[in-house]
Structures are given as structure tokens and as C-alpha cells.
Amino acid sequence: MDIIKRTVEFKPNSRNLFFHILTACNLKCRHCYINPEQHGTKTLELSTVRAWLKLFSRADHSSAIRSVPDTNVIFLGGEPTLHPGLPGAIKEARRLGYASITVDTNGYLFNDILERVTPEEVDYFSFSLDGSTSKVNDPIRGSGSYEACVRGIQEAKKRGFGISSIFTASRANIQDLPNMPDLLASLGVSRFFIQVIGIRGNPAQRQESDLQLGYDQWEAIVPETAMKAARLGMYCTFPKVFLGEDEPFSCAGLVAENYFVFPNGRVYTCPLCEDYPIHAFEICGDQLVKRPPLTETELFPLQIPEGCVMNRIFHPGNIEYDSRGIPVRKIACCMLKKELLAG
């Protein structure tokens, strides 16, 4: 089987809306990035969800957002299926013509969500599973979460929904990552996303700071596992993370449209900034308003030897230096992905 491998370029003609419709969750994952002090604890009213979906979908919106033909929406939380209005939000996104609709979930699938929407309305339910067994997954995500997630995948698959799975790689589970492709293939998962743990939210706390992976650990396991998943017929992506010596750095914030929306109205364009009040936009009166400097936007053009300026400012522990104080390798933009799929 031929495997196509490529770095996914930032796409200036598409928009991705990462829409946190609430911050509440039934789990308390070790690596959760939600920060109530910055994101609030509000659950959006369905009427507000609809208004904000329209805001990001329409072609004639205010000049705060550039006009592009395609918008993809990912409903997030917290746990988005805890929101009783999620089915209505999904139907509204479909009515507005969103190019794709995904629901990220921990698998508990509250409020009978699978009975209230159809595979024609939801492109993918994306299940967070951080281990191939409960022994690995549950210490990270909570007791019983492995069984619930697998059961949720099976039920969604039986009903004909597209299924993807997200594995957040850290020192707590990286050795188990090679076991994931076989499990996911047996469950009928078609897309596998490997993501690196971010030092924000819970992991930013001192007791969780040792979860971050180094270059050697990442390179020894992740690319090979992605190849295995692709050989099993899954579309697989993972962050580039580290750039080679001759690879140029590029920032998605300068060329792409990614909006990370939280219930308190904050709108970030870089997820690494979400622990700090430097969001580029905010939603006021159901209008998207660009905030005055200094925000994340003014930081994107900075060119530094370390590559990603956000890592240099917020996560300097990610960067390795040689004896001369020169970065050993550049850190890639967190939105830059490697993609593998069967040819």
C-alpha cells in the first residue's frame, strides 16, 4: 500500500471555527486546557450559539474577518454533548452551509445526542481516547472513561456516523501510542489525530508540567505510529512540532483563519495564548470586534531564532539551546500538521 505523506499547508481560503459552547465537563482530565479564570463558566444560550454561528459563516460579515468560501466548525467544551441545545446548534450550522461539522466528545454522549441528529447533519463525532486500555487512559481522563468512550464509538459507528479519534500524547501515555491504531481500526475509526499536550490550563500547573514530551520521545514514536495507522486505512495527522534545520517557520496567524471562541466572548486566533487576556477579538452584541493592541496579532510577525514566538514567550521550557545559547531546532507553529493517508 502506498502512503501519501505531506505537510499540510495553511489554507488561506478556508476558515476553522473552534466553538466552545460551554466549559462544563463531567471529567477532570489531567491535560484539560480549559481555564475558567480566562474562559468563564458560562453555558451559551442556543439563541447566542445560533447568532455566533451566523457571525462566522456569512460572506458579508464585518471587515474584522476576511471573506472566504468555506467554514468548518468544531463544537467543543468542556463536553459539548452536555449542552441540551447542541442538536439545534448542529442543525443551524448545517442550514448556514458550514463545509463540515464535527463534535469533539469524551464519549459519554449526553442528552441522547445520537438520537437527535443524523449522519447527514454531523460529519464526524471525534472521540478523545488517550490509551488503548483503561489502565493507560483512565489515570489521565478519569475512572470509567475508557469504557464509556469505546462504548460511545461503537454506538455512533452502528448508527452510521463518521468517527475520528484524538490522542493527546504526553509522558503519561506515549509508550502506549503504538497500540492505538489496531484498537481504532477494530472500532471502525476512519481518522486519527495525534496531538501534543499543550502547556495551558491544567498542564500549566506545576504538578502537571512534567507531561511535556521532548524531541527524542516524539520523533521515536509518533511518525511511525502515524504510518501504522495510515497502513490500516486511517487518515492520520499529527503536529509538525519541530522544524528541520533548513525548514522555514510560518505562522498560521498570518495566513490562515482559525478562530477559538469561548463562552465569555473571547476569540483567539492562536490556541497557545488562551491562558492570557491577549485575544485578538471579542464578541460584543453578536458582532466580532477587533481589540486594540497589544494582542496576539501584533506578536505573529516577530521573527526569532526559536521559530514560534508564542512558545518562546509562554512555553520557553519547550525550547532546547546549545552551549552557545542558540536554539537546537525551531518550534513549528502548533497549527502546522503532518498528514498521512493511503494512496
Foldseek 3Di string as FASTA:
>chain_A
DDKDKDWDDFDLQEAEEEAAQAAAAPWDFLQDQDDCVQQNGDHHDLVLLLLLLCQVLDQPADPVDHGHHAYEYEYDYNARLVDLCVLVSLVSNVVSPHPAYEYEHLQLNPPPVLVSDAQVSHQEYEHEAAAPDCVQGDVRIHPPSNVRNLVSLLVNVVRPHAYEYEHAAWPSRLVRLLVPLVSCLVSVHAEYEYEYRACHDSCVDPVNVRGGDAPVSCVVGPVVSCVVNQVSFHKYKYFPFWDDPPDAAAASLVRHHYWYAGPVFAIARAVLCSRDPQRQWGADPSGIGGDDDDHVSVVRVDDDQQRDVSCVVRPVVRFDADPVRGTPTHTYRSPIMMIMHHD
